[in-house]
N, C-alpha and C. Protein backbone atom coordinates (compact mmCIF):
# COMPACT_ATOMS: atom_id res chain seq x y z
N MET A 1 19.42 36.90 -115.39
CA MET A 1 18.29 36.36 -114.71
C MET A 1 18.78 35.30 -113.75
N TYR A 2 18.20 35.25 -112.58
CA TYR A 2 18.55 34.28 -111.56
C TYR A 2 17.26 33.60 -111.14
N ILE A 3 17.22 32.28 -111.26
CA ILE A 3 16.02 31.53 -110.90
C ILE A 3 16.42 30.37 -110.00
N LYS A 4 15.65 30.14 -108.97
CA LYS A 4 15.88 29.01 -108.08
C LYS A 4 14.69 28.07 -108.25
N THR A 5 14.95 26.83 -108.65
CA THR A 5 13.86 25.88 -108.88
C THR A 5 13.99 24.70 -107.94
N THR A 6 12.86 24.07 -107.64
CA THR A 6 12.83 22.87 -106.82
C THR A 6 11.60 22.06 -107.17
N LYS A 7 11.67 20.75 -106.98
CA LYS A 7 10.53 19.89 -107.29
C LYS A 7 9.35 20.20 -106.39
N LYS A 8 9.58 20.15 -105.09
CA LYS A 8 8.54 20.41 -104.11
C LYS A 8 9.08 21.41 -103.10
N GLN A 9 8.20 22.13 -102.50
CA GLN A 9 8.63 23.13 -101.55
C GLN A 9 9.39 22.49 -100.39
N SER A 10 9.03 21.25 -100.02
CA SER A 10 9.69 20.58 -98.92
C SER A 10 11.02 19.95 -99.32
N ASN A 11 11.29 19.86 -100.63
CA ASN A 11 12.54 19.28 -101.13
C ASN A 11 13.65 20.32 -101.00
N LEU A 12 14.75 19.95 -100.35
CA LEU A 12 15.83 20.91 -100.12
C LEU A 12 16.78 21.04 -101.30
N GLU A 13 16.73 20.10 -102.26
CA GLU A 13 17.60 20.17 -103.43
C GLU A 13 17.08 21.23 -104.39
N THR A 14 17.94 22.15 -104.79
CA THR A 14 17.53 23.21 -105.70
C THR A 14 18.52 23.32 -106.84
N ASN A 15 18.07 23.94 -107.93
CA ASN A 15 18.92 24.24 -109.07
C ASN A 15 19.05 25.75 -109.18
N LEU A 16 20.26 26.24 -109.30
CA LEU A 16 20.47 27.67 -109.49
C LEU A 16 20.75 27.91 -110.97
N ILE A 17 20.04 28.85 -111.58
CA ILE A 17 20.16 29.11 -113.00
C ILE A 17 20.57 30.56 -113.19
N ASN A 18 21.61 30.76 -113.94
CA ASN A 18 22.06 32.11 -114.26
C ASN A 18 22.24 32.16 -115.76
N TYR A 19 21.29 32.78 -116.47
CA TYR A 19 21.30 32.78 -117.92
C TYR A 19 20.55 34.01 -118.41
N SER A 20 21.01 34.58 -119.49
CA SER A 20 20.32 35.72 -120.06
C SER A 20 19.47 35.27 -121.25
N LEU A 21 18.22 35.67 -121.28
CA LEU A 21 17.35 35.34 -122.41
C LEU A 21 17.56 36.31 -123.56
N ASN A 22 18.37 37.33 -123.37
CA ASN A 22 18.66 38.33 -124.40
C ASN A 22 17.38 38.90 -125.02
N LEU A 23 16.47 39.32 -124.18
CA LEU A 23 15.22 39.90 -124.67
C LEU A 23 15.49 41.28 -125.26
N GLU A 24 14.76 41.59 -126.30
CA GLU A 24 14.87 42.91 -126.91
C GLU A 24 14.17 43.94 -126.04
N GLU A 25 14.50 45.21 -126.25
CA GLU A 25 13.87 46.28 -125.50
C GLU A 25 12.37 46.25 -125.73
N GLY A 26 11.60 46.42 -124.67
CA GLY A 26 10.14 46.42 -124.78
C GLY A 26 9.52 45.04 -124.59
N HIS A 27 10.34 43.99 -124.54
CA HIS A 27 9.84 42.64 -124.30
C HIS A 27 9.91 42.37 -122.80
N GLU A 28 8.83 41.85 -122.23
CA GLU A 28 8.84 41.58 -120.80
C GLU A 28 8.27 40.20 -120.50
N ILE A 29 8.85 39.55 -119.52
CA ILE A 29 8.38 38.23 -119.09
C ILE A 29 7.10 38.44 -118.29
N THR A 30 6.02 37.78 -118.71
CA THR A 30 4.75 37.91 -118.01
C THR A 30 4.43 36.70 -117.15
N ASP A 31 5.09 35.55 -117.42
CA ASP A 31 4.82 34.35 -116.65
C ASP A 31 6.01 33.40 -116.76
N ILE A 32 6.28 32.68 -115.69
CA ILE A 32 7.32 31.65 -115.66
C ILE A 32 6.72 30.40 -115.05
N ASP A 33 6.84 29.26 -115.76
CA ASP A 33 6.31 27.99 -115.27
C ASP A 33 7.38 26.91 -115.39
N LEU A 34 7.44 26.03 -114.41
CA LEU A 34 8.33 24.89 -114.46
C LEU A 34 7.61 23.78 -115.23
N VAL A 35 8.10 23.42 -116.42
CA VAL A 35 7.48 22.38 -117.24
C VAL A 35 7.77 21.02 -116.61
N ASP A 36 9.04 20.75 -116.33
CA ASP A 36 9.48 19.55 -115.62
C ASP A 36 10.82 19.89 -114.98
N ASN A 37 11.54 18.89 -114.51
CA ASN A 37 12.80 19.17 -113.80
C ASN A 37 13.89 19.73 -114.70
N ASN A 38 13.70 19.67 -116.02
CA ASN A 38 14.73 20.11 -116.96
C ASN A 38 14.34 21.31 -117.80
N ARG A 39 13.09 21.75 -117.74
CA ARG A 39 12.65 22.82 -118.63
C ARG A 39 11.79 23.86 -117.91
N ILE A 40 12.01 25.12 -118.31
CA ILE A 40 11.23 26.24 -117.79
C ILE A 40 10.57 26.95 -118.97
N LEU A 41 9.29 27.26 -118.83
CA LEU A 41 8.53 27.96 -119.86
C LEU A 41 8.41 29.43 -119.47
N PHE A 42 8.86 30.31 -120.35
CA PHE A 42 8.74 31.75 -120.17
C PHE A 42 7.71 32.28 -121.15
N THR A 43 6.71 33.00 -120.67
CA THR A 43 5.76 33.68 -121.54
C THR A 43 6.19 35.14 -121.59
N ILE A 44 6.35 35.65 -122.82
CA ILE A 44 6.90 37.00 -123.02
C ILE A 44 5.93 37.82 -123.86
N LYS A 45 5.78 39.08 -123.49
CA LYS A 45 4.85 39.96 -124.20
C LYS A 45 5.59 41.21 -124.67
N THR A 46 5.23 41.65 -125.87
CA THR A 46 5.70 42.92 -126.40
C THR A 46 4.55 43.55 -127.16
N ASN A 47 4.19 44.76 -126.82
CA ASN A 47 3.04 45.44 -127.43
C ASN A 47 1.84 44.51 -127.44
N ASP A 48 1.34 44.09 -128.61
CA ASP A 48 0.17 43.21 -128.68
C ASP A 48 0.55 41.78 -129.04
N LYS A 49 1.85 41.43 -129.00
CA LYS A 49 2.30 40.09 -129.35
C LYS A 49 2.73 39.33 -128.10
N VAL A 50 2.46 38.03 -128.11
CA VAL A 50 2.85 37.15 -127.02
C VAL A 50 3.59 35.96 -127.62
N TYR A 51 4.70 35.57 -127.00
CA TYR A 51 5.40 34.37 -127.44
C TYR A 51 6.00 33.67 -126.24
N ALA A 52 6.47 32.43 -126.45
CA ALA A 52 6.99 31.62 -125.35
C ALA A 52 8.37 31.09 -125.68
N LEU A 53 9.20 31.00 -124.65
CA LEU A 53 10.52 30.38 -124.75
C LEU A 53 10.56 29.21 -123.78
N ILE A 54 11.07 28.08 -124.23
CA ILE A 54 11.29 26.95 -123.33
C ILE A 54 12.79 26.83 -123.14
N TYR A 55 13.22 26.95 -121.89
CA TYR A 55 14.64 26.95 -121.57
C TYR A 55 15.03 25.58 -121.00
N ASP A 56 16.06 24.97 -121.59
CA ASP A 56 16.58 23.68 -121.13
C ASP A 56 17.62 23.96 -120.04
N ILE A 57 17.32 23.59 -118.82
CA ILE A 57 18.18 23.87 -117.68
C ILE A 57 19.51 23.13 -117.78
N GLN A 58 19.47 21.85 -118.15
CA GLN A 58 20.69 21.04 -118.19
C GLN A 58 21.68 21.51 -119.23
N ASN A 59 21.20 21.92 -120.40
CA ASN A 59 22.07 22.33 -121.50
C ASN A 59 22.25 23.84 -121.62
N SER A 60 21.56 24.60 -120.77
CA SER A 60 21.62 26.07 -120.79
C SER A 60 21.31 26.63 -122.17
N LYS A 61 20.25 26.11 -122.79
CA LYS A 61 19.87 26.55 -124.13
C LYS A 61 18.36 26.77 -124.22
N ILE A 62 17.98 27.65 -125.13
CA ILE A 62 16.57 27.83 -125.45
C ILE A 62 16.20 26.76 -126.45
N LEU A 63 15.22 25.92 -126.10
CA LEU A 63 14.83 24.81 -126.96
C LEU A 63 13.86 25.20 -128.06
N LYS A 64 12.92 26.08 -127.72
CA LYS A 64 11.83 26.33 -128.66
C LYS A 64 11.32 27.74 -128.49
N ILE A 65 11.01 28.36 -129.61
CA ILE A 65 10.38 29.69 -129.57
C ILE A 65 9.08 29.59 -130.34
N ASP A 66 7.98 29.84 -129.67
CA ASP A 66 6.68 29.86 -130.33
C ASP A 66 6.21 31.30 -130.38
N LYS A 67 5.89 31.76 -131.56
CA LYS A 67 5.39 33.13 -131.70
C LYS A 67 3.91 33.09 -132.06
N ALA A 68 3.14 33.89 -131.39
CA ALA A 68 1.72 34.01 -131.68
C ALA A 68 1.44 35.43 -132.12
N ASN A 69 0.32 35.62 -132.76
CA ASN A 69 -0.12 36.96 -133.18
C ASN A 69 0.80 37.60 -134.22
N GLU A 70 1.45 36.81 -135.04
CA GLU A 70 2.33 37.40 -136.06
C GLU A 70 1.55 37.69 -137.33
């Protein structure tokens, strides 16, 4: 996955992220939101289940996995 993030559209400073979320087959990212300058929220859906991953940009790690509909 390759993501380019920036604080504001007019801000020229960007962060390039190259990281694999290692999603299982049938899991798809339905939404991506910038939480703050250090974290990205991924909403992921599989069949009738939805869960979220929060990715720490600075440490290149997944911070939290919330599962719903289990």
